[in-house]
Amino acid sequence: MYYNDHHPPHFHAEYAEREASFAIDTLEILEGDLPRRPHAFVVEWASLHREELRVNWERARQGISLLSIEPLD
C-alpha cells in the first residue's frame, strides 16, 4: 500500500518485474497483471487477510505506519 493512494481501497503486489493492484473488497485486478500462479497466491492470501488489509488501508490514509500481515504458509 502507498500512503495517500487513490480510491478504491487496494493493495499492490509484485512478482519479478510485474505488478498489479488489487481491490480489497473484490480482489479484482484494478491495474497491471501477474502470471496465473502468483495471481492465485495473492488472491488466496488476500482472502485470508481482507480485514487486516482494510485496517492498513485506513492507517495508510491517516499517515500511520502499517501493521505487518502474515505471509501465506
N, C-alpha and C. Protein backbone atom coordinates (compact mmCIF):
# COMPACT_ATOMS: atom_id res chain seq x y z
N MET A 1 0.84 -1.17 0.00
CA MET A 1 0.00 0.00 0.00
C MET A 1 0.89 1.23 0.00
N TYR A 2 0.36 2.26 -0.62
CA TYR A 2 1.06 3.53 -0.64
C TYR A 2 0.24 4.55 0.12
N TYR A 3 0.93 5.40 0.86
CA TYR A 3 0.25 6.47 1.59
C TYR A 3 -0.36 7.45 0.59
N ASN A 4 -1.56 7.93 0.92
CA ASN A 4 -2.29 8.89 0.08
C ASN A 4 -2.59 8.34 -1.31
N ASP A 5 -2.81 7.06 -1.42
CA ASP A 5 -3.15 6.45 -2.71
C ASP A 5 -4.63 6.71 -3.01
N HIS A 6 -5.00 6.53 -4.25
CA HIS A 6 -6.35 6.82 -4.72
C HIS A 6 -7.33 5.72 -4.33
N HIS A 7 -8.62 6.03 -4.36
CA HIS A 7 -9.68 5.04 -4.12
C HIS A 7 -9.90 4.24 -5.38
N PRO A 8 -10.47 3.08 -5.37
CA PRO A 8 -10.99 2.35 -4.23
C PRO A 8 -9.86 1.76 -3.39
N PRO A 9 -10.17 1.32 -2.16
CA PRO A 9 -9.15 0.69 -1.33
C PRO A 9 -8.52 -0.49 -2.06
N HIS A 10 -7.19 -0.51 -2.11
CA HIS A 10 -6.49 -1.55 -2.85
C HIS A 10 -5.09 -1.73 -2.29
N PHE A 11 -4.42 -2.76 -2.78
CA PHE A 11 -3.03 -3.01 -2.43
C PHE A 11 -2.30 -3.41 -3.70
N HIS A 12 -0.99 -3.30 -3.64
CA HIS A 12 -0.14 -3.62 -4.78
C HIS A 12 0.61 -4.91 -4.51
N ALA A 13 0.75 -5.72 -5.52
CA ALA A 13 1.53 -6.96 -5.43
C ALA A 13 2.53 -6.98 -6.58
N GLU A 14 3.73 -7.42 -6.27
CA GLU A 14 4.79 -7.50 -7.27
C GLU A 14 5.28 -8.93 -7.40
N TYR A 15 5.61 -9.32 -8.62
CA TYR A 15 6.20 -10.62 -8.88
C TYR A 15 7.19 -10.42 -10.02
N ALA A 16 8.45 -10.73 -9.76
CA ALA A 16 9.51 -10.49 -10.73
C ALA A 16 9.44 -9.03 -11.14
N GLU A 17 9.26 -8.75 -12.40
CA GLU A 17 9.21 -7.36 -12.86
C GLU A 17 7.78 -6.92 -13.15
N ARG A 18 6.80 -7.65 -12.66
CA ARG A 18 5.40 -7.32 -12.93
C ARG A 18 4.72 -6.88 -11.64
N GLU A 19 3.72 -6.03 -11.79
CA GLU A 19 2.99 -5.50 -10.65
C GLU A 19 1.52 -5.39 -11.00
N ALA A 20 0.68 -5.59 -10.00
CA ALA A 20 -0.76 -5.41 -10.17
C ALA A 20 -1.32 -4.81 -8.89
N SER A 21 -2.38 -4.03 -9.04
CA SER A 21 -3.10 -3.54 -7.87
C SER A 21 -4.43 -4.28 -7.80
N PHE A 22 -4.79 -4.70 -6.58
CA PHE A 22 -5.99 -5.49 -6.33
C PHE A 22 -6.95 -4.73 -5.44
N ALA A 23 -8.22 -4.70 -5.81
CA ALA A 23 -9.24 -4.10 -4.96
C ALA A 23 -9.41 -4.97 -3.71
N ILE A 24 -9.43 -4.36 -2.54
CA ILE A 24 -9.56 -5.13 -1.30
C ILE A 24 -10.93 -5.79 -1.22
N ASP A 25 -11.98 -5.09 -1.61
CA ASP A 25 -13.33 -5.63 -1.46
C ASP A 25 -13.63 -6.80 -2.39
N THR A 26 -13.14 -6.74 -3.62
CA THR A 26 -13.49 -7.77 -4.60
C THR A 26 -12.32 -8.67 -4.99
N LEU A 27 -11.11 -8.24 -4.68
CA LEU A 27 -9.86 -8.92 -5.06
C LEU A 27 -9.66 -8.97 -6.57
N GLU A 28 -10.36 -8.12 -7.28
CA GLU A 28 -10.16 -8.00 -8.73
C GLU A 28 -8.94 -7.13 -9.00
N ILE A 29 -8.26 -7.40 -10.10
CA ILE A 29 -7.13 -6.57 -10.51
C ILE A 29 -7.69 -5.25 -11.06
N LEU A 30 -7.17 -4.16 -10.51
CA LEU A 30 -7.56 -2.83 -10.97
C LEU A 30 -6.63 -2.33 -12.07
N GLU A 31 -5.37 -2.73 -11.96
CA GLU A 31 -4.37 -2.27 -12.91
C GLU A 31 -3.21 -3.24 -12.92
N GLY A 32 -2.58 -3.43 -14.07
CA GLY A 32 -1.44 -4.32 -14.18
C GLY A 32 -1.85 -5.77 -14.34
N ASP A 33 -0.88 -6.66 -14.16
CA ASP A 33 -1.18 -8.09 -14.25
C ASP A 33 -0.05 -8.88 -13.61
N LEU A 34 -0.39 -10.10 -13.24
CA LEU A 34 0.57 -11.06 -12.70
C LEU A 34 0.35 -12.38 -13.43
N PRO A 35 1.38 -13.21 -13.50
CA PRO A 35 1.18 -14.55 -14.05
C PRO A 35 0.13 -15.31 -13.23
N ARG A 36 -0.46 -16.32 -13.82
CA ARG A 36 -1.58 -17.03 -13.22
C ARG A 36 -1.29 -17.56 -11.82
N ARG A 37 -0.20 -18.26 -11.63
CA ARG A 37 0.09 -18.87 -10.32
C ARG A 37 0.32 -17.81 -9.23
N PRO A 38 1.19 -16.81 -9.44
CA PRO A 38 1.34 -15.77 -8.43
C PRO A 38 0.02 -15.02 -8.16
N HIS A 39 -0.77 -14.82 -9.20
CA HIS A 39 -2.08 -14.18 -9.04
C HIS A 39 -2.95 -14.99 -8.08
N ALA A 40 -2.97 -16.30 -8.26
CA ALA A 40 -3.77 -17.18 -7.39
C ALA A 40 -3.28 -17.12 -5.94
N PHE A 41 -1.97 -17.07 -5.74
CA PHE A 41 -1.43 -16.96 -4.39
C PHE A 41 -1.81 -15.64 -3.74
N VAL A 42 -1.75 -14.56 -4.48
CA VAL A 42 -2.13 -13.25 -3.95
C VAL A 42 -3.60 -13.25 -3.54
N VAL A 43 -4.46 -13.78 -4.38
CA VAL A 43 -5.89 -13.82 -4.07
C VAL A 43 -6.15 -14.70 -2.84
N GLU A 44 -5.48 -15.84 -2.75
CA GLU A 44 -5.65 -16.71 -1.58
C GLU A 44 -5.22 -15.99 -0.31
N TRP A 45 -4.04 -15.35 -0.35
CA TRP A 45 -3.52 -14.63 0.81
C TRP A 45 -4.46 -13.49 1.20
N ALA A 46 -4.87 -12.69 0.22
CA ALA A 46 -5.71 -11.53 0.50
C ALA A 46 -7.07 -11.94 1.04
N SER A 47 -7.62 -13.06 0.57
CA SER A 47 -8.91 -13.50 1.08
C SER A 47 -8.82 -13.90 2.55
N LEU A 48 -7.66 -14.37 2.99
CA LEU A 48 -7.45 -14.72 4.39
C LEU A 48 -7.20 -13.49 5.27
N HIS A 49 -6.78 -12.39 4.67
CA HIS A 49 -6.36 -11.20 5.43
C HIS A 49 -7.09 -9.93 5.01
N ARG A 50 -8.29 -10.09 4.48
CA ARG A 50 -9.02 -8.94 3.95
C ARG A 50 -9.26 -7.85 5.01
N GLU A 51 -9.63 -8.25 6.23
CA GLU A 51 -9.90 -7.25 7.27
C GLU A 51 -8.61 -6.52 7.65
N GLU A 52 -7.50 -7.24 7.72
CA GLU A 52 -6.22 -6.60 8.00
C GLU A 52 -5.82 -5.63 6.89
N LEU A 53 -6.13 -5.98 5.66
CA LEU A 53 -5.86 -5.08 4.54
C LEU A 53 -6.71 -3.82 4.65
N ARG A 54 -7.97 -3.97 5.04
CA ARG A 54 -8.85 -2.80 5.22
C ARG A 54 -8.31 -1.88 6.31
N VAL A 55 -7.87 -2.49 7.42
CA VAL A 55 -7.29 -1.70 8.52
C VAL A 55 -6.05 -0.96 8.04
N ASN A 56 -5.18 -1.64 7.32
CA ASN A 56 -3.97 -1.00 6.81
C ASN A 56 -4.30 0.11 5.81
N TRP A 57 -5.33 -0.07 5.01
CA TRP A 57 -5.73 0.98 4.08
C TRP A 57 -6.09 2.25 4.85
N GLU A 58 -6.87 2.10 5.91
CA GLU A 58 -7.26 3.26 6.73
C GLU A 58 -6.04 3.86 7.42
N ARG A 59 -5.15 3.03 7.90
CA ARG A 59 -3.93 3.53 8.53
C ARG A 59 -3.09 4.32 7.52
N ALA A 60 -2.96 3.80 6.32
CA ALA A 60 -2.19 4.50 5.29
C ALA A 60 -2.83 5.85 4.96
N ARG A 61 -4.14 5.90 4.87
CA ARG A 61 -4.85 7.15 4.57
C ARG A 61 -4.63 8.19 5.67
N GLN A 62 -4.41 7.71 6.90
CA GLN A 62 -4.19 8.61 8.04
C GLN A 62 -2.70 8.91 8.25
N GLY A 63 -1.85 8.32 7.43
CA GLY A 63 -0.42 8.55 7.56
C GLY A 63 0.21 7.79 8.72
N ILE A 64 -0.46 6.74 9.18
CA ILE A 64 0.03 5.92 10.28
C ILE A 64 0.77 4.71 9.70
N SER A 65 1.80 4.26 10.39
CA SER A 65 2.54 3.10 9.88
C SER A 65 1.64 1.87 9.77
N LEU A 66 1.92 1.07 8.78
CA LEU A 66 1.11 -0.11 8.52
C LEU A 66 1.48 -1.26 9.45
N LEU A 67 0.52 -2.11 9.72
CA LEU A 67 0.75 -3.29 10.53
C LEU A 67 1.22 -4.43 9.63
N SER A 68 2.06 -5.25 10.17
CA SER A 68 2.56 -6.41 9.42
C SER A 68 1.44 -7.43 9.25
N ILE A 69 1.41 -8.05 8.08
CA ILE A 69 0.42 -9.10 7.80
C ILE A 69 1.20 -10.37 7.47
N GLU A 70 0.79 -11.45 8.11
CA GLU A 70 1.47 -12.73 7.94
C GLU A 70 1.47 -13.17 6.46
N PRO A 71 2.56 -13.77 6.01
CA PRO A 71 2.58 -14.30 4.64
C PRO A 71 1.76 -15.57 4.53
N LEU A 72 1.56 -16.00 3.32
CA LEU A 72 0.85 -17.25 3.06
C LEU A 72 1.75 -18.41 3.42
N ASP A 73 1.24 -19.39 4.14
CA ASP A 73 2.03 -20.57 4.54
C ASP A 73 2.25 -21.50 3.37
